[in-house]
Amino acid sequence: MAVSFPEVEESPHFEKTSFRIRKRIFATLNEKENRGCVKLSENDQYIFSQNESGAVYPVPNKWGLQGWTNIDLNKINKRLLKEILKTAYAEVKS
């Protein structure tokens, strides 16, 4: 889904796959844990984390304070995932 946005490049990032726009990461995928991670503004992170499924939550360290947000791919619906990816893409592209 992340590679469907214009100018996105997919590349390895440690044990994960990263998705980049102009060399800046906006999302990663950890296939082993079936978890994604995206870069959001603090406000967007708060809004998306209010989802009652518990699928979206801040990374529990200093990266989370900078907007990095985990997504449990076992719990999230496709429509919400696409909206979050679109938001992360726009955040990093600007």
PDB file of N, CA and C in Angstrom:
ATOM      1  N   MET A   1       0.826  -1.198   0.000  1.00  0.00           N
ATOM      2  CA  MET A   1       0.000   0.000   0.000  1.00  0.00           C
ATOM      3  C   MET A   1       0.873   1.265   0.000  1.00  0.00           C
ATOM      4  N   ALA A   2       1.956   1.257   0.778  1.00  0.00           N
ATOM      5  CA  ALA A   2       2.812   2.445   0.893  1.00  0.00           C
ATOM      6  C   ALA A   2       3.518   2.775  -0.420  1.00  0.00           C
ATOM      7  N   VAL A   3       3.818   1.774  -1.220  1.00  0.00           N
ATOM      8  CA  VAL A   3       4.521   2.036  -2.476  1.00  0.00           C
ATOM      9  C   VAL A   3       3.605   2.607  -3.553  1.00  0.00           C
ATOM     10  N   SER A   4       2.318   2.715  -3.274  1.00  0.00           N
ATOM     11  CA  SER A   4       1.384   3.258  -4.265  1.00  0.00           C
ATOM     12  C   SER A   4       1.449   4.785  -4.363  1.00  0.00           C
ATOM     13  N   PHE A   5       2.102   5.440  -3.407  1.00  0.00           N
ATOM     14  CA  PHE A   5       2.216   6.901  -3.439  1.00  0.00           C
ATOM     15  C   PHE A   5       3.350   7.325  -4.375  1.00  0.00           C
ATOM     16  N   PRO A   6       3.240   8.513  -4.992  1.00  0.00           N
ATOM     17  CA  PRO A   6       4.270   8.976  -5.929  1.00  0.00           C
ATOM     18  C   PRO A   6       5.655   9.094  -5.285  1.00  0.00           C
ATOM     19  N   GLU A   7       6.670   8.717  -6.036  1.00  0.00           N
ATOM     20  CA  GLU A   7       8.083   8.869  -5.670  1.00  0.00           C
ATOM     21  C   GLU A   7       8.541   8.021  -4.487  1.00  0.00           C
ATOM     22  N   VAL A   8       7.753   7.055  -4.058  1.00  0.00           N
ATOM     23  CA  VAL A   8       8.127   6.242  -2.899  1.00  0.00           C
ATOM     24  C   VAL A   8       9.133   5.174  -3.310  1.00  0.00           C
ATOM     25  N   GLU A   9      10.167   5.042  -2.484  1.00  0.00           N
ATOM     26  CA  GLU A   9      11.164   3.999  -2.673  1.00  0.00           C
ATOM     27  C   GLU A   9      11.113   3.050  -1.486  1.00  0.00           C
ATOM     28  N   GLU A  10      11.230   1.775  -1.768  1.00  0.00           N
ATOM     29  CA  GLU A  10      11.247   0.743  -0.735  1.00  0.00           C
ATOM     30  C   GLU A  10      12.684   0.270  -0.569  1.00  0.00           C
ATOM     31  N   SER A  11      13.168   0.201   0.674  1.00  0.00           N
ATOM     32  CA  SER A  11      14.533  -0.267   0.909  1.00  0.00           C
ATOM     33  C   SER A  11      14.659  -0.868   2.308  1.00  0.00           C
ATOM     34  N   PRO A  12      15.682  -1.712   2.512  1.00  0.00           N
ATOM     35  CA  PRO A  12      15.893  -2.308   3.832  1.00  0.00           C
ATOM     36  C   PRO A  12      16.260  -1.242   4.868  1.00  0.00           C
ATOM     37  N   HIS A  13      15.833  -1.475   6.096  1.00  0.00           N
ATOM     38  CA  HIS A  13      16.174  -0.591   7.221  1.00  0.00           C
ATOM     39  C   HIS A  13      16.323  -1.496   8.443  1.00  0.00           C
ATOM     40  N   PHE A  14      17.564  -1.858   8.758  1.00  0.00           N
ATOM     41  CA  PHE A  14      17.854  -2.862   9.780  1.00  0.00           C
ATOM     42  C   PHE A  14      17.087  -4.132   9.425  1.00  0.00           C
ATOM     43  N   GLU A  15      16.279  -4.687  10.321  1.00  0.00           N
ATOM     44  CA  GLU A  15      15.543  -5.924  10.030  1.00  0.00           C
ATOM     45  C   GLU A  15      14.159  -5.646   9.445  1.00  0.00           C
ATOM     46  N   LYS A  16      13.905  -4.399   9.079  1.00  0.00           N
ATOM     47  CA  LYS A  16      12.592  -3.997   8.558  1.00  0.00           C
ATOM     48  C   LYS A  16      12.706  -3.546   7.102  1.00  0.00           C
ATOM     49  N   THR A  17      11.553  -3.266   6.521  1.00  0.00           N
ATOM     50  CA  THR A  17      11.484  -2.643   5.204  1.00  0.00           C
ATOM     51  C   THR A  17      11.040  -1.205   5.419  1.00  0.00           C
ATOM     52  N   SER A  18      11.749  -0.262   4.790  1.00  0.00           N
ATOM     53  CA  SER A  18      11.364   1.148   4.932  1.00  0.00           C
ATOM     54  C   SER A  18      10.755   1.654   3.633  1.00  0.00           C
ATOM     55  N   PHE A  19       9.916   2.667   3.786  1.00  0.00           N
ATOM     56  CA  PHE A  19       9.283   3.331   2.655  1.00  0.00           C
ATOM     57  C   PHE A  19       9.646   4.797   2.773  1.00  0.00           C
ATOM     58  N   ARG A  20      10.243   5.330   1.705  1.00  0.00           N
ATOM     59  CA  ARG A  20      10.833   6.665   1.764  1.00  0.00           C
ATOM     60  C   ARG A  20      10.318   7.572   0.653  1.00  0.00           C
ATOM     61  N   ILE A  21      10.284   8.839   0.987  1.00  0.00           N
ATOM     62  CA  ILE A  21      10.019   9.888   0.007  1.00  0.00           C
ATOM     63  C   ILE A  21      11.199  10.850   0.102  1.00  0.00           C
ATOM     64  N   ARG A  22      11.883  11.043  -1.001  1.00  0.00           N
ATOM     65  CA  ARG A  22      13.090  11.888  -1.032  1.00  0.00           C
ATOM     66  C   ARG A  22      14.091  11.491   0.057  1.00  0.00           C
ATOM     67  N   LYS A  23      14.318  10.202   0.184  1.00  0.00           N
ATOM     68  CA  LYS A  23      15.272   9.597   1.123  1.00  0.00           C
ATOM     69  C   LYS A  23      14.861   9.683   2.588  1.00  0.00           C
ATOM     70  N   ARG A  24      13.687  10.236   2.880  1.00  0.00           N
ATOM     71  CA  ARG A  24      13.206  10.343   4.263  1.00  0.00           C
ATOM     72  C   ARG A  24      12.154   9.263   4.521  1.00  0.00           C
ATOM     73  N   ILE A  25      12.314   8.531   5.602  1.00  0.00           N
ATOM     74  CA  ILE A  25      11.394   7.443   5.940  1.00  0.00           C
ATOM     75  C   ILE A  25      10.066   8.005   6.444  1.00  0.00           C
ATOM     76  N   PHE A  26       8.975   7.499   5.895  1.00  0.00           N
ATOM     77  CA  PHE A  26       7.651   7.850   6.423  1.00  0.00           C
ATOM     78  C   PHE A  26       6.947   6.623   7.004  1.00  0.00           C
ATOM     79  N   ALA A  27       7.440   5.422   6.676  1.00  0.00           N
ATOM     80  CA  ALA A  27       6.842   4.201   7.216  1.00  0.00           C
ATOM     81  C   ALA A  27       7.845   3.058   7.171  1.00  0.00           C
ATOM     82  N   THR A  28       7.686   2.128   8.107  1.00  0.00           N
ATOM     83  CA  THR A  28       8.462   0.889   8.078  1.00  0.00           C
ATOM     84  C   THR A  28       7.505  -0.281   8.280  1.00  0.00           C
ATOM     85  N   LEU A  29       7.965  -1.451   7.857  1.00  0.00           N
ATOM     86  CA  LEU A  29       7.189  -2.677   8.013  1.00  0.00           C
ATOM     87  C   LEU A  29       8.070  -3.733   8.659  1.00  0.00           C
ATOM     88  N   ASN A  30       7.606  -4.273   9.774  1.00  0.00           N
ATOM     89  CA  ASN A  30       8.261  -5.385  10.446  1.00  0.00           C
ATOM     90  C   ASN A  30       7.391  -6.611  10.179  1.00  0.00           C
ATOM     91  N   GLU A  31       7.778  -7.388   9.177  1.00  0.00           N
ATOM     92  CA  GLU A  31       6.958  -8.539   8.770  1.00  0.00           C
ATOM     93  C   GLU A  31       6.906  -9.622   9.840  1.00  0.00           C
ATOM     94  N   LYS A  32       8.001  -9.817  10.574  1.00  0.00           N
ATOM     95  CA  LYS A  32       8.033 -10.857  11.614  1.00  0.00           C
ATOM     96  C   LYS A  32       6.985 -10.600  12.692  1.00  0.00           C
ATOM     97  N   GLU A  33       6.818  -9.339  13.063  1.00  0.00           N
ATOM     98  CA  GLU A  33       5.869  -8.983  14.122  1.00  0.00           C
ATOM     99  C   GLU A  33       4.531  -8.487  13.578  1.00  0.00           C
ATOM    100  N   ASN A  34       4.409  -8.453  12.243  1.00  0.00           N
ATOM    101  CA  ASN A  34       3.203  -7.955  11.575  1.00  0.00           C
ATOM    102  C   ASN A  34       2.807  -6.583  12.119  1.00  0.00           C
ATOM    103  N   ARG A  35       3.823  -5.692  12.136  1.00  0.00           N
ATOM    104  CA  ARG A  35       3.625  -4.348  12.681  1.00  0.00           C
ATOM    105  C   ARG A  35       4.234  -3.313  11.732  1.00  0.00           C
ATOM    106  N   GLY A  36       3.499  -2.239  11.544  1.00  0.00           N
ATOM    107  CA  GLY A  36       4.010  -1.108  10.797  1.00  0.00           C
ATOM    108  C   GLY A  36       4.361   0.009  11.761  1.00  0.00           C
ATOM    109  N   CYS A  37       5.094   0.977  11.263  1.00  0.00           N
ATOM    110  CA  CYS A  37       5.435   2.153  12.053  1.00  0.00           C
ATOM    111  C   CYS A  37       5.442   3.338  11.094  1.00  0.00           C
ATOM    112  N   VAL A  38       4.841   4.446  11.497  1.00  0.00           N
ATOM    113  CA  VAL A  38       4.750   5.624  10.637  1.00  0.00           C
ATOM    114  C   VAL A  38       5.162   6.875  11.393  1.00  0.00           C
ATOM    115  N   LYS A  39       5.562   7.894  10.634  1.00  0.00           N
ATOM    116  CA  LYS A  39       5.921   9.194  11.199  1.00  0.00           C
ATOM    117  C   LYS A  39       4.725  10.122  11.049  1.00  0.00           C
ATOM    118  N   LEU A  40       4.168  10.556  12.188  1.00  0.00           N
ATOM    119  CA  LEU A  40       3.023  11.466  12.193  1.00  0.00           C
ATOM    120  C   LEU A  40       3.361  12.715  12.989  1.00  0.00           C
ATOM    121  N   SER A  41       2.573  13.755  12.815  1.00  0.00           N
ATOM    122  CA  SER A  41       2.682  14.911  13.705  1.00  0.00           C
ATOM    123  C   SER A  41       2.161  14.464  15.072  1.00  0.00           C
ATOM    124  N   GLU A  42       2.497  15.199  16.114  1.00  0.00           N
ATOM    125  CA  GLU A  42       2.001  14.854  17.453  1.00  0.00           C
ATOM    126  C   GLU A  42       0.471  14.851  17.478  1.00  0.00           C
ATOM    127  N   ASN A  43      -0.127  15.819  16.807  1.00  0.00           N
ATOM    128  CA  ASN A  43      -1.589  15.910  16.775  1.00  0.00           C
ATOM    129  C   ASN A  43      -2.211  14.707  16.059  1.00  0.00           C
ATOM    130  N   ASP A  44      -1.676  14.361  14.886  1.00  0.00           N
ATOM    131  CA  ASP A  44      -2.205  13.209  14.149  1.00  0.00           C
ATOM    132  C   ASP A  44      -1.982  11.914  14.928  1.00  0.00           C
ATOM    133  N   GLN A  45      -0.842  11.812  15.588  1.00  0.00           N
ATOM    134  CA  GLN A  45      -0.572  10.631  16.405  1.00  0.00           C
ATOM    135  C   GLN A  45      -1.649  10.484  17.487  1.00  0.00           C
ATOM    136  N   TYR A  46      -1.966  11.576  18.145  1.00  0.00           N
ATOM    137  CA  TYR A  46      -2.989  11.557  19.190  1.00  0.00           C
ATOM    138  C   TYR A  46      -4.350  11.143  18.614  1.00  0.00           C
ATOM    139  N   ILE A  47      -4.727  11.750  17.498  1.00  0.00           N
ATOM    140  CA  ILE A  47      -6.034  11.465  16.885  1.00  0.00           C
ATOM    141  C   ILE A  47      -6.143   9.991  16.478  1.00  0.00           C
ATOM    142  N   PHE A  48      -5.154   9.485  15.749  1.00  0.00           N
ATOM    143  CA  PHE A  48      -5.223   8.095  15.290  1.00  0.00           C
ATOM    144  C   PHE A  48      -5.120   7.102  16.447  1.00  0.00           C
ATOM    145  N   SER A  49      -4.435   7.477  17.521  1.00  0.00           N
ATOM    146  CA  SER A  49      -4.294   6.588  18.680  1.00  0.00           C
ATOM    147  C   SER A  49      -5.594   6.427  19.456  1.00  0.00           C
ATOM    148  N   GLN A  50      -6.566   7.281  19.196  1.00  0.00           N
ATOM    149  CA  GLN A  50      -7.851   7.192  19.886  1.00  0.00           C
ATOM    150  C   GLN A  50      -8.740   6.086  19.326  1.00  0.00           C
ATOM    151  N   ASN A  51      -8.291   5.423  18.266  1.00  0.00           N
ATOM    152  CA  ASN A  51      -9.045   4.325  17.667  1.00  0.00           C
ATOM    153  C   ASN A  51      -9.294   3.252  18.722  1.00  0.00           C
ATOM    154  N   GLU A  52     -10.524   2.836  18.855  1.00  0.00           N
ATOM    155  CA  GLU A  52     -10.887   1.903  19.926  1.00  0.00           C
ATOM    156  C   GLU A  52     -10.342   0.493  19.754  1.00  0.00           C
ATOM    157  N   SER A  53      -9.811   0.153  18.596  1.00  0.00           N
ATOM    158  CA  SER A  53      -9.261  -1.193  18.399  1.00  0.00           C
ATOM    159  C   SER A  53      -7.925  -1.377  19.111  1.00  0.00           C
ATOM    160  N   GLY A  54      -7.266  -0.272  19.461  1.00  0.00           N
ATOM    161  CA  GLY A  54      -5.947  -0.355  20.091  1.00  0.00           C
ATOM    162  C   GLY A  54      -4.843  -0.689  19.108  1.00  0.00           C
ATOM    163  N   ALA A  55      -5.139  -0.612  17.823  1.00  0.00           N
ATOM    164  CA  ALA A  55      -4.175  -0.977  16.788  1.00  0.00           C
ATOM    165  C   ALA A  55      -3.109   0.083  16.558  1.00  0.00           C
ATOM    166  N   VAL A  56      -3.370   1.319  16.967  1.00  0.00           N
ATOM    167  CA  VAL A  56      -2.465   2.437  16.695  1.00  0.00           C
ATOM    168  C   VAL A  56      -2.027   3.033  18.027  1.00  0.00           C
ATOM    169  N   TYR A  57      -0.703   3.109  18.232  1.00  0.00           N
ATOM    170  CA  TYR A  57      -0.201   3.623  19.509  1.00  0.00           C
ATOM    171  C   TYR A  57       1.222   4.163  19.332  1.00  0.00           C
ATOM    172  N   PRO A  58       1.593   5.172  20.119  1.00  0.00           N
ATOM    173  CA  PRO A  58       2.934   5.748  20.009  1.00  0.00           C
ATOM    174  C   PRO A  58       4.017   4.704  20.307  1.00  0.00           C
ATOM    175  N   VAL A  59       5.135   4.793  19.615  1.00  0.00           N
ATOM    176  CA  VAL A  59       6.291   3.963  19.946  1.00  0.00           C
ATOM    177  C   VAL A  59       6.664   4.295  21.392  1.00  0.00           C
ATOM    178  N   PRO A  60       6.850   3.287  22.250  1.00  0.00           N
ATOM    179  CA  PRO A  60       7.044   3.550  23.680  1.00  0.00           C
ATOM    180  C   PRO A  60       8.474   3.954  24.064  1.00  0.00           C
ATOM    181  N   ASN A  61       9.000   4.981  23.417  1.00  0.00           N
ATOM    182  CA  ASN A  61      10.315   5.515  23.774  1.00  0.00           C
ATOM    183  C   ASN A  61      10.426   6.934  23.216  1.00  0.00           C
ATOM    184  N   LYS A  62      11.641   7.465  23.147  1.00  0.00           N
ATOM    185  CA  LYS A  62      11.811   8.846  22.672  1.00  0.00           C
ATOM    186  C   LYS A  62      11.315   9.037  21.240  1.00  0.00           C
ATOM    187  N   TRP A  63      11.347   7.983  20.425  1.00  0.00           N
ATOM    188  CA  TRP A  63      10.853   8.102  19.050  1.00  0.00           C
ATOM    189  C   TRP A  63       9.353   8.372  19.031  1.00  0.00           C
ATOM    190  N   GLY A  64       8.632   7.788  19.966  1.00  0.00           N
ATOM    191  CA  GLY A  64       7.194   8.031  20.069  1.00  0.00           C
ATOM    192  C   GLY A  64       6.883   9.479  20.374  1.00  0.00           C
ATOM    193  N   LEU A  65       7.756  10.126  21.146  1.00  0.00           N
ATOM    194  CA  LEU A  65       7.573  11.546  21.460  1.00  0.00           C
ATOM    195  C   LEU A  65       7.791  12.430  20.235  1.00  0.00           C
ATOM    196  N   GLN A  66       8.438  11.877  19.209  1.00  0.00           N
ATOM    197  CA  GLN A  66       8.685  12.613  17.966  1.00  0.00           C
ATOM    198  C   GLN A  66       7.662  12.268  16.882  1.00  0.00           C
ATOM    199  N   GLY A  67       6.622  11.533  17.261  1.00  0.00           N
ATOM    200  CA  GLY A  67       5.550  11.228  16.314  1.00  0.00           C
ATOM    201  C   GLY A  67       5.575   9.835  15.716  1.00  0.00           C
ATOM    202  N   TRP A  68       6.614   9.062  15.999  1.00  0.00           N
ATOM    203  CA  TRP A  68       6.657   7.704  15.454  1.00  0.00           C
ATOM    204  C   TRP A  68       5.598   6.857  16.139  1.00  0.00           C
ATOM    205  N   THR A  69       4.814   6.174  15.318  1.00  0.00           N
ATOM    206  CA  THR A  69       3.595   5.518  15.783  1.00  0.00           C
ATOM    207  C   THR A  69       3.514   4.090  15.254  1.00  0.00           C
ATOM    208  N   ASN A  70       3.313   3.137  16.154  1.00  0.00           N
ATOM    209  CA  ASN A  70       3.166   1.729  15.767  1.00  0.00           C
ATOM    210  C   ASN A  70       1.748   1.439  15.299  1.00  0.00           C
ATOM    211  N   ILE A  71       1.647   0.468  14.385  1.00  0.00           N
ATOM    212  CA  ILE A  71       0.355   0.001  13.891  1.00  0.00           C
ATOM    213  C   ILE A  71       0.355  -1.521  13.944  1.00  0.00           C
ATOM    214  N   ASP A  72      -0.549  -2.089  14.712  1.00  0.00           N
ATOM    215  CA  ASP A  72      -0.706  -3.540  14.782  1.00  0.00           C
ATOM    216  C   ASP A  72      -1.532  -3.964  13.567  1.00  0.00           C
ATOM    217  N   LEU A  73      -0.882  -4.596  12.613  1.00  0.00           N
ATOM    218  CA  LEU A  73      -1.543  -4.941  11.352  1.00  0.00           C
ATOM    219  C   LEU A  73      -2.561  -6.074  11.501  1.00  0.00           C
ATOM    220  N   ASN A  74      -2.542  -6.762  12.642  1.00  0.00           N
ATOM    221  CA  ASN A  74      -3.555  -7.790  12.907  1.00  0.00           C
ATOM    222  C   ASN A  74      -4.883  -7.180  13.339  1.00  0.00           C
ATOM    223  N   LYS A  75      -4.844  -5.945  13.828  1.00  0.00           N
ATOM    224  CA  LYS A  75      -6.042  -5.320  14.396  1.00  0.00           C
ATOM    225  C   LYS A  75      -6.645  -4.199  13.552  1.00  0.00           C
ATOM    226  N   ILE A  76      -5.888  -3.630  12.633  1.00  0.00           N
ATOM    227  CA  ILE A  76      -6.349  -2.423  11.927  1.00  0.00           C
ATOM    228  C   ILE A  76      -7.131  -2.782  10.663  1.00  0.00           C
ATOM    229  N   ASN A  77      -8.126  -1.957  10.340  1.00  0.00           N
ATOM    230  CA  ASN A  77      -8.849  -2.185   9.085  1.00  0.00           C
ATOM    231  C   ASN A  77      -8.134  -1.445   7.953  1.00  0.00           C
ATOM    232  N   LYS A  78      -8.348  -1.936   6.752  1.00  0.00           N
ATOM    233  CA  LYS A  78      -7.628  -1.446   5.573  1.00  0.00           C
ATOM    234  C   LYS A  78      -7.873   0.046   5.306  1.00  0.00           C
ATOM    235  N   ARG A  79      -9.097   0.497   5.502  1.00  0.00           N
ATOM    236  CA  ARG A  79      -9.428   1.902   5.247  1.00  0.00           C
ATOM    237  C   ARG A  79      -8.636   2.828   6.175  1.00  0.00           C
ATOM    238  N   LEU A  80      -8.593   2.499   7.462  1.00  0.00           N
ATOM    239  CA  LEU A  80      -7.857   3.320   8.423  1.00  0.00           C
ATOM    240  C   LEU A  80      -6.357   3.264   8.146  1.00  0.00           C
ATOM    241  N   LEU A  81      -5.850   2.095   7.800  1.00  0.00           N
ATOM    242  CA  LEU A  81      -4.428   1.964   7.477  1.00  0.00           C
ATOM    243  C   LEU A  81      -4.059   2.865   6.307  1.00  0.00           C
ATOM    244  N   LYS A  82      -4.880   2.874   5.280  1.00  0.00           N
ATOM    245  CA  LYS A  82      -4.606   3.717   4.112  1.00  0.00           C
ATOM    246  C   LYS A  82      -4.610   5.198   4.499  1.00  0.00           C
ATOM    247  N   GLU A  83      -5.544   5.612   5.337  1.00  0.00           N
ATOM    248  CA  GLU A  83      -5.615   7.007   5.791  1.00  0.00           C
ATOM    249  C   GLU A  83      -4.371   7.391   6.601  1.00  0.00           C
ATOM    250  N   ILE A  84      -3.919   6.501   7.455  1.00  0.00           N
ATOM    251  CA  ILE A  84      -2.719   6.764   8.256  1.00  0.00           C
ATOM    252  C   ILE A  84      -1.488   6.864   7.362  1.00  0.00           C
ATOM    253  N   LEU A  85      -1.353   5.952   6.408  1.00  0.00           N
ATOM    254  CA  LEU A  85      -0.211   6.003   5.493  1.00  0.00           C
ATOM    255  C   LEU A  85      -0.211   7.286   4.671  1.00  0.00           C
ATOM    256  N   LYS A  86      -1.388   7.691   4.214  1.00  0.00           N
ATOM    257  CA  LYS A  86      -1.513   8.935   3.449  1.00  0.00           C
ATOM    258  C   LYS A  86      -1.074  10.131   4.295  1.00  0.00           C
ATOM    259  N   THR A  87      -1.466  10.139   5.551  1.00  0.00           N
ATOM    260  CA  THR A  87      -1.117  11.226   6.467  1.00  0.00           C
ATOM    261  C   THR A  87       0.386  11.240   6.734  1.00  0.00           C
ATOM    262  N   ALA A  88       0.978  10.073   6.967  1.00  0.00           N
ATOM    263  CA  ALA A  88       2.421   9.981   7.215  1.00  0.00           C
ATOM    264  C   ALA A  88       3.210  10.422   5.984  1.00  0.00           C
ATOM    265  N   TYR A  89       2.766  10.001   4.822  1.00  0.00           N
ATOM    266  CA  TYR A  89       3.416  10.386   3.565  1.00  0.00           C
ATOM    267  C   TYR A  89       3.416  11.908   3.417  1.00  0.00           C
ATOM    268  N   ALA A  90       2.274  12.521   3.646  1.00  0.00           N
ATOM    269  CA  ALA A  90       2.154  13.983   3.525  1.00  0.00           C
ATOM    270  C   ALA A  90       3.007  14.694   4.575  1.00  0.00           C
ATOM    271  N   GLU A  91       3.069  14.145   5.779  1.00  0.00           N
ATOM    272  CA  GLU A  91       3.864  14.735   6.864  1.00  0.00           C
ATOM    273  C   GLU A  91       5.346  14.789   6.494  1.00  0.00           C
ATOM    274  N   VAL A  92       5.866  13.710   5.961  1.00  0.00           N
ATOM    275  CA  VAL A  92       7.293  13.634   5.645  1.00  0.00           C
ATOM    276  C   VAL A  92       7.612  14.336   4.327  1.00  0.00           C
ATOM    277  N   LYS A  93       6.688  14.315   3.392  1.00  0.00           N
ATOM    278  CA  LYS A  93       6.922  14.952   2.090  1.00  0.00           C
ATOM    279  C   LYS A  93       7.023  16.469   2.207  1.00  0.00           C
ATOM    280  N   SER A  94       6.279  17.061   3.137  1.00  0.00           N
ATOM    281  CA  SER A  94       6.250  18.533   3.233  1.00  0.00           C
ATOM    282  C   SER A  94       7.508  19.114   3.849  1.00  0.00           C
TER     283      SER A  94
END
